[in-house]
PDB file of all heavy atoms in Angstrom:
ATOM      1  N   ALA A   1     150.693 217.491  55.310  1.00  0.00           N
ATOM      2  CA  ALA A   1     151.586 216.719  56.187  1.00  0.00           C
ATOM      3  C   ALA A   1     150.883 215.478  56.734  1.00  0.00           C
ATOM      4  O   ALA A   1     151.491 214.405  56.846  1.00  0.00           O
ATOM      5  CB  ALA A   1     152.077 217.602  57.335  1.00  0.00           C
ATOM      6  N   ALA A   2     149.600 215.605  57.071  1.00  0.00           N
ATOM      7  CA  ALA A   2     148.857 214.470  57.607  1.00  0.00           C
ATOM      8  C   ALA A   2     148.673 213.385  56.552  1.00  0.00           C
ATOM      9  O   ALA A   2     148.730 212.185  56.857  1.00  0.00           O
ATOM     10  CB  ALA A   2     147.496 214.931  58.124  1.00  0.00           C
ATOM     11  N   THR A   3     148.456 213.796  55.306  1.00  0.00           N
ATOM     12  CA  THR A   3     148.325 212.819  54.226  1.00  0.00           C
ATOM     13  C   THR A   3     149.597 211.994  54.087  1.00  0.00           C
ATOM     14  O   THR A   3     149.552 210.762  53.945  1.00  0.00           O
ATOM     15  CB  THR A   3     148.007 213.523  52.892  1.00  0.00           C
ATOM     16  OG1 THR A   3     146.819 214.299  53.034  1.00  0.00           O
ATOM     17  CG2 THR A   3     147.820 212.514  51.766  1.00  0.00           C
ATOM     18  N   MET A   4     150.737 212.668  54.148  1.00  0.00           N
ATOM     19  CA  MET A   4     152.015 211.958  54.059  1.00  0.00           C
ATOM     20  C   MET A   4     152.199 211.026  55.259  1.00  0.00           C
ATOM     21  O   MET A   4     152.706 209.909  55.129  1.00  0.00           O
ATOM     22  CB  MET A   4     153.162 212.965  53.988  1.00  0.00           C
ATOM     23  CG  MET A   4     153.046 213.984  52.862  1.00  0.00           C
ATOM     24  SD  MET A   4     152.892 213.268  51.209  1.00  0.00           S
ATOM     25  CE  MET A   4     154.609 212.845  50.875  1.00  0.00           C
ATOM     26  N   ALA A   5     151.740 211.467  56.424  1.00  0.00           N
ATOM     27  CA  ALA A   5     151.901 210.663  57.647  1.00  0.00           C
ATOM     28  C   ALA A   5     151.027 209.420  57.622  1.00  0.00           C
ATOM     29  O   ALA A   5     151.468 208.330  57.986  1.00  0.00           O
ATOM     30  CB  ALA A   5     151.589 211.514  58.879  1.00  0.00           C
ATOM     31  N   ILE A   6     149.769 209.563  57.196  1.00  0.00           N
ATOM     32  CA  ILE A   6     148.889 208.395  57.203  1.00  0.00           C
ATOM     33  C   ILE A   6     149.276 207.406  56.108  1.00  0.00           C
ATOM     34  O   ILE A   6     148.969 206.213  56.210  1.00  0.00           O
ATOM     35  CB  ILE A   6     147.396 208.777  57.117  1.00  0.00           C
ATOM     36  CG1 ILE A   6     147.051 209.450  55.795  1.00  0.00           C
ATOM     37  CG2 ILE A   6     146.998 209.641  58.302  1.00  0.00           C
ATOM     38  CD1 ILE A   6     145.551 209.745  55.630  1.00  0.00           C
ATOM     39  N   ALA A   7     149.964 207.880  55.079  1.00  0.00           N
ATOM     40  CA  ALA A   7     150.458 206.961  54.054  1.00  0.00           C
ATOM     41  C   ALA A   7     151.482 206.002  54.634  1.00  0.00           C
ATOM     42  O   ALA A   7     151.607 204.862  54.183  1.00  0.00           O
ATOM     43  CB  ALA A   7     151.060 207.748  52.891  1.00  0.00           C
ATOM     44  N   ASP A   8     152.226 206.451  55.648  1.00  0.00           N
ATOM     45  CA  ASP A   8     153.238 205.612  56.297  1.00  0.00           C
ATOM     46  C   ASP A   8     152.674 204.825  57.477  1.00  0.00           C
ATOM     47  O   ASP A   8     153.313 203.885  57.952  1.00  0.00           O
ATOM     48  CB  ASP A   8     154.404 206.474  56.791  1.00  0.00           C
ATOM     49  CG  ASP A   8     155.237 207.033  55.643  1.00  0.00           C
ATOM     50  OD1 ASP A   8     155.277 206.394  54.573  1.00  0.00           O
ATOM     51  OD2 ASP A   8     155.834 208.118  55.818  1.00  0.00           O
ATOM     52  N   HIS A   9     151.521 205.233  57.959  1.00  0.00           N
ATOM     53  CA  HIS A   9     150.905 204.575  59.117  1.00  0.00           C
ATOM     54  C   HIS A   9     150.266 203.257  58.694  1.00  0.00           C
ATOM     55  O   HIS A   9     149.560 203.189  57.680  1.00  0.00           O
ATOM     56  CB  HIS A   9     149.845 205.496  59.719  1.00  0.00           C
ATOM     57  CG  HIS A   9     149.100 204.901  60.865  1.00  0.00           C
ATOM     58  ND1 HIS A   9     149.633 204.802  62.130  1.00  0.00           N
ATOM     59  CD2 HIS A   9     147.842 204.379  60.940  1.00  0.00           C
ATOM     60  CE1 HIS A   9     148.749 204.247  62.931  1.00  0.00           C
ATOM     61  NE2 HIS A   9     147.655 203.980  62.248  1.00  0.00           N
ATOM     62  N   LYS A  10     150.502 202.213  59.442  1.00  0.00           N
ATOM     63  CA  LYS A  10     149.916 200.915  59.134  1.00  0.00           C
ATOM     64  C   LYS A  10     148.566 200.776  59.826  1.00  0.00           C
ATOM     65  O   LYS A  10     148.474 200.865  61.047  1.00  0.00           O
ATOM     66  CB  LYS A  10     150.851 199.780  59.575  1.00  0.00           C
ATOM     67  CG  LYS A  10     152.209 199.794  58.888  1.00  0.00           C
ATOM     68  CD  LYS A  10     152.078 199.699  57.375  1.00  0.00           C
ATOM     69  CE  LYS A  10     153.442 199.701  56.701  1.00  0.00           C
ATOM     70  NZ  LYS A  10     153.311 199.734  55.221  1.00  0.00           N
ATOM     71  N   GLY A  11     147.526 200.582  59.043  1.00  0.00           N
ATOM     72  CA  GLY A  11     146.204 200.403  59.611  1.00  0.00           C
ATOM     73  C   GLY A  11     145.197 201.406  59.088  1.00  0.00           C
ATOM     74  O   GLY A  11     145.542 202.346  58.358  1.00  0.00           O
ATOM     75  N   PRO A  12     143.935 201.250  59.455  1.00  0.00           N
ATOM     76  CA  PRO A  12     142.863 202.108  58.958  1.00  0.00           C
ATOM     77  C   PRO A  12     142.967 203.538  59.487  1.00  0.00           C
ATOM     78  O   PRO A  12     143.309 203.750  60.656  1.00  0.00           O
ATOM     79  CB  PRO A  12     141.586 201.438  59.490  1.00  0.00           C
ATOM     80  CG  PRO A  12     141.992 200.077  59.938  1.00  0.00           C
ATOM     81  CD  PRO A  12     143.417 200.173  60.332  1.00  0.00           C
ATOM     82  N   CYS A  13     142.653 204.497  58.637  1.00  0.00           N
ATOM     83  CA  CYS A  13     142.615 205.904  59.042  1.00  0.00           C
ATOM     84  C   CYS A  13     141.399 206.578  58.423  1.00  0.00           C
ATOM     85  O   CYS A  13     140.979 206.227  57.312  1.00  0.00           O
ATOM     86  CB  CYS A  13     143.867 206.650  58.571  1.00  0.00           C
ATOM     87  SG  CYS A  13     145.408 206.146  59.339  1.00  0.00           S
ATOM     88  N   TYR A  14     140.869 207.545  59.158  1.00  0.00           N
ATOM     89  CA  TYR A  14     139.823 208.415  58.626  1.00  0.00           C
ATOM     90  C   TYR A  14     140.299 209.852  58.793  1.00  0.00           C
ATOM     91  O   TYR A  14     140.651 210.266  59.902  1.00  0.00           O
ATOM     92  CB  TYR A  14     138.504 208.227  59.378  1.00  0.00           C
ATOM     93  CG  TYR A  14     137.413 209.191  58.939  1.00  0.00           C
ATOM     94  CD1 TYR A  14     136.704 208.976  57.768  1.00  0.00           C
ATOM     95  CD2 TYR A  14     137.102 210.323  59.697  1.00  0.00           C
ATOM     96  CE1 TYR A  14     135.697 209.859  57.354  1.00  0.00           C
ATOM     97  CE2 TYR A  14     136.109 211.204  59.294  1.00  0.00           C
ATOM     98  CZ  TYR A  14     135.414 210.966  58.122  1.00  0.00           C
ATOM     99  OH  TYR A  14     134.427 211.851  57.719  1.00  0.00           O
ATOM    100  N   MET A  15     140.339 210.605  57.704  1.00  0.00           N
ATOM    101  CA  MET A  15     140.738 212.017  57.778  1.00  0.00           C
ATOM    102  C   MET A  15     139.624 212.876  57.194  1.00  0.00           C
ATOM    103  O   MET A  15     139.147 212.627  56.090  1.00  0.00           O
ATOM    104  CB  MET A  15     142.045 212.265  57.038  1.00  0.00           C
ATOM    105  CG  MET A  15     142.556 213.692  57.200  1.00  0.00           C
ATOM    106  SD  MET A  15     144.271 213.917  56.656  1.00  0.00           S
ATOM    107  CE  MET A  15     144.031 214.192  54.900  1.00  0.00           C
ATOM    108  N   ARG A  16     139.226 213.899  57.943  1.00  0.00           N
ATOM    109  CA  ARG A  16     138.153 214.797  57.517  1.00  0.00           C
ATOM    110  C   ARG A  16     138.716 216.164  57.145  1.00  0.00           C
ATOM    111  O   ARG A  16     139.658 216.667  57.779  1.00  0.00           O
ATOM    112  CB  ARG A  16     137.076 214.928  58.607  1.00  0.00           C
ATOM    113  CG  ARG A  16     137.490 215.841  59.734  1.00  0.00           C
ATOM    114  CD  ARG A  16     136.501 215.973  60.876  1.00  0.00           C
ATOM    115  NE  ARG A  16     135.101 216.086  60.570  1.00  0.00           N
ATOM    116  CZ  ARG A  16     134.359 217.175  60.825  1.00  0.00           C
ATOM    117  NH1 ARG A  16     134.918 218.268  61.339  1.00  0.00           N
ATOM    118  NH2 ARG A  16     133.067 217.177  60.572  1.00  0.00           N
ATOM    119  N   MET A  17     138.151 216.775  56.102  1.00  0.00           N
ATOM    120  CA  MET A  17     138.578 218.096  55.651  1.00  0.00           C
ATOM    121  C   MET A  17     137.362 218.913  55.242  1.00  0.00           C
ATOM    122  O   MET A  17     136.331 218.363  54.870  1.00  0.00           O
ATOM    123  CB  MET A  17     139.526 217.971  54.453  1.00  0.00           C
ATOM    124  CG  MET A  17     140.804 217.202  54.736  1.00  0.00           C
ATOM    125  SD  MET A  17     141.879 217.101  53.292  1.00  0.00           S
ATOM    126  CE  MET A  17     140.883 216.085  52.207  1.00  0.00           C
ATOM    127  N   GLY A  18     137.503 220.224  55.291  1.00  0.00           N
ATOM    128  CA  GLY A  18     136.423 221.105  54.894  1.00  0.00           C
ATOM    129  C   GLY A  18     136.425 221.383  53.403  1.00  0.00           C
ATOM    130  O   GLY A  18     137.295 220.940  52.662  1.00  0.00           O
ATOM    131  N   ARG A  19     135.431 222.121  52.992  1.00  0.00           N
ATOM    132  CA  ARG A  19     135.303 222.495  51.580  1.00  0.00           C
ATOM    133  C   ARG A  19     135.975 223.830  51.287  1.00  0.00           C
ATOM    134  O   ARG A  19     136.628 223.989  50.261  1.00  0.00           O
ATOM    135  CB  ARG A  19     133.820 222.602  51.221  1.00  0.00           C
ATOM    136  CG  ARG A  19     133.540 223.115  49.826  1.00  0.00           C
ATOM    137  CD  ARG A  19     132.050 223.380  49.646  1.00  0.00           C
ATOM    138  NE  ARG A  19     131.690 223.670  48.276  1.00  0.00           N
ATOM    139  CZ  ARG A  19     130.462 223.933  47.864  1.00  0.00           C
ATOM    140  NH1 ARG A  19     129.470 223.931  48.749  1.00  0.00           N
ATOM    141  NH2 ARG A  19     130.202 224.189  46.613  1.00  0.00           N
ATOM    142  N   ALA A  20     135.820 224.780  52.191  1.00  0.00           N
ATOM    143  CA  ALA A  20     136.215 226.161  51.935  1.00  0.00           C
ATOM    144  C   ALA A  20     137.700 226.405  52.181  1.00  0.00           C
ATOM    145  O   ALA A  20     138.415 225.552  52.718  1.00  0.00           O
ATOM    146  CB  ALA A  20     135.386 227.092  52.822  1.00  0.00           C
ATOM    147  N   ASP A  21     138.159 227.580  51.774  1.00  0.00           N
ATOM    148  CA  ASP A  21     139.520 228.014  52.089  1.00  0.00           C
ATOM    149  C   ASP A  21     139.594 228.397  53.565  1.00  0.00           C
ATOM    150  O   ASP A  21     138.728 229.117  54.070  1.00  0.00           O
ATOM    151  CB  ASP A  21     139.906 229.236  51.249  1.00  0.00           C
ATOM    152  CG  ASP A  21     140.068 228.900  49.774  1.00  0.00           C
ATOM    153  OD1 ASP A  21     140.063 227.700  49.445  1.00  0.00           O
ATOM    154  OD2 ASP A  21     140.186 229.835  48.965  1.00  0.00           O
ATOM    155  N   PHE A  22     140.634 227.912  54.259  1.00  0.00           N
ATOM    156  CA  PHE A  22     140.888 228.260  55.659  1.00  0.00           C
ATOM    157  C   PHE A  22     142.192 229.050  55.727  1.00  0.00           C
ATOM    158  O   PHE A  22     143.083 228.872  54.892  1.00  0.00           O
ATOM    159  CB  PHE A  22     141.076 227.010  56.526  1.00  0.00           C
ATOM    160  CG  PHE A  22     139.905 226.075  56.613  1.00  0.00           C
ATOM    161  CD1 PHE A  22     140.077 224.820  57.159  1.00  0.00           C
ATOM    162  CD2 PHE A  22     138.632 226.442  56.181  1.00  0.00           C
ATOM    163  CE1 PHE A  22     139.017 223.920  57.257  1.00  0.00           C
ATOM    164  CE2 PHE A  22     137.579 225.567  56.274  1.00  0.00           C
ATOM    165  CZ  PHE A  22     137.775 224.297  56.809  1.00  0.00           C
ATOM    166  N   PRO A  23     142.374 229.892  56.743  1.00  0.00           N
ATOM    167  CA  PRO A  23     143.672 230.547  56.947  1.00  0.00           C
ATOM    168  C   PRO A  23     144.775 229.523  57.194  1.00  0.00           C
ATOM    169  O   PRO A  23     144.553 228.496  57.850  1.00  0.00           O
ATOM    170  CB  PRO A  23     143.439 231.413  58.196  1.00  0.00           C
ATOM    171  CG  PRO A  23     141.970 231.648  58.225  1.00  0.00           C
ATOM    172  CD  PRO A  23     141.343 230.391  57.699  1.00  0.00           C
ATOM    173  N   LEU A  24     145.948 229.797  56.653  1.00  0.00           N
ATOM    174  CA  LEU A  24     147.114 228.936  56.887  1.00  0.00           C
ATOM    175  C   LEU A  24     147.780 229.381  58.183  1.00  0.00           C
ATOM    176  O   LEU A  24     148.369 230.454  58.255  1.00  0.00           O
ATOM    177  CB  LEU A  24     148.092 229.029  55.717  1.00  0.00           C
ATOM    178  CG  LEU A  24     147.588 228.468  54.389  1.00  0.00           C
ATOM    179  CD1 LEU A  24     148.580 228.766  53.270  1.00  0.00           C
ATOM    180  CD2 LEU A  24     147.339 226.969  54.489  1.00  0.00           C
ATOM    181  N   ILE A  25     147.668 228.551  59.216  1.00  0.00           N
ATOM    182  CA  ILE A  25     148.210 228.916  60.530  1.00  0.00           C
ATOM    183  C   ILE A  25     149.417 228.060  60.912  1.00  0.00           C
ATOM    184  O   ILE A  25     150.056 228.327  61.915  1.00  0.00           O
ATOM    185  CB  ILE A  25     147.128 228.805  61.627  1.00  0.00           C
ATOM    186  CG1 ILE A  25     146.576 227.375  61.703  1.00  0.00           C
ATOM    187  CG2 ILE A  25     146.018 229.814  61.386  1.00  0.00           C
ATOM    188  CD1 ILE A  25     145.637 227.148  62.870  1.00  0.00           C
ATOM    189  N   THR A  26     149.711 227.033  60.110  1.00  0.00           N
ATOM    190  CA  THR A  26     150.892 226.205  60.368  1.00  0.00           C
ATOM    191  C   THR A  26     151.917 226.446  59.269  1.00  0.00           C
ATOM    192  O   THR A  26     151.555 226.846  58.160  1.00  0.00           O
ATOM    193  CB  THR A  26     150.536 224.706  60.423  1.00  0.00           C
ATOM    194  OG1 THR A  26     150.060 224.290  59.139  1.00  0.00           O
ATOM    195  CG2 THR A  26     149.472 224.427  61.475  1.00  0.00           C
ATOM    196  N   PRO A  27     153.205 226.191  59.547  1.00  0.00           N
ATOM    197  CA  PRO A  27     154.235 226.431  58.534  1.00  0.00           C
ATOM    198  C   PRO A  27     154.083 225.520  57.320  1.00  0.00           C
ATOM    199  O   PRO A  27     153.509 224.426  57.411  1.00  0.00           O
ATOM    200  CB  PRO A  27     155.545 226.126  59.278  1.00  0.00           C
ATOM    201  CG  PRO A  27     155.199 225.977  60.706  1.00  0.00           C
ATOM    202  CD  PRO A  27     153.752 225.708  60.818  1.00  0.00           C
TER     203      PRO A  27
END
């Protein structure tokens, strides 16, 4: 969802992500 949001956002963005599998806690 954040990837889709920053694609529409005008201006520089930095997004950080981990390497491993995390539990899915959001829908």
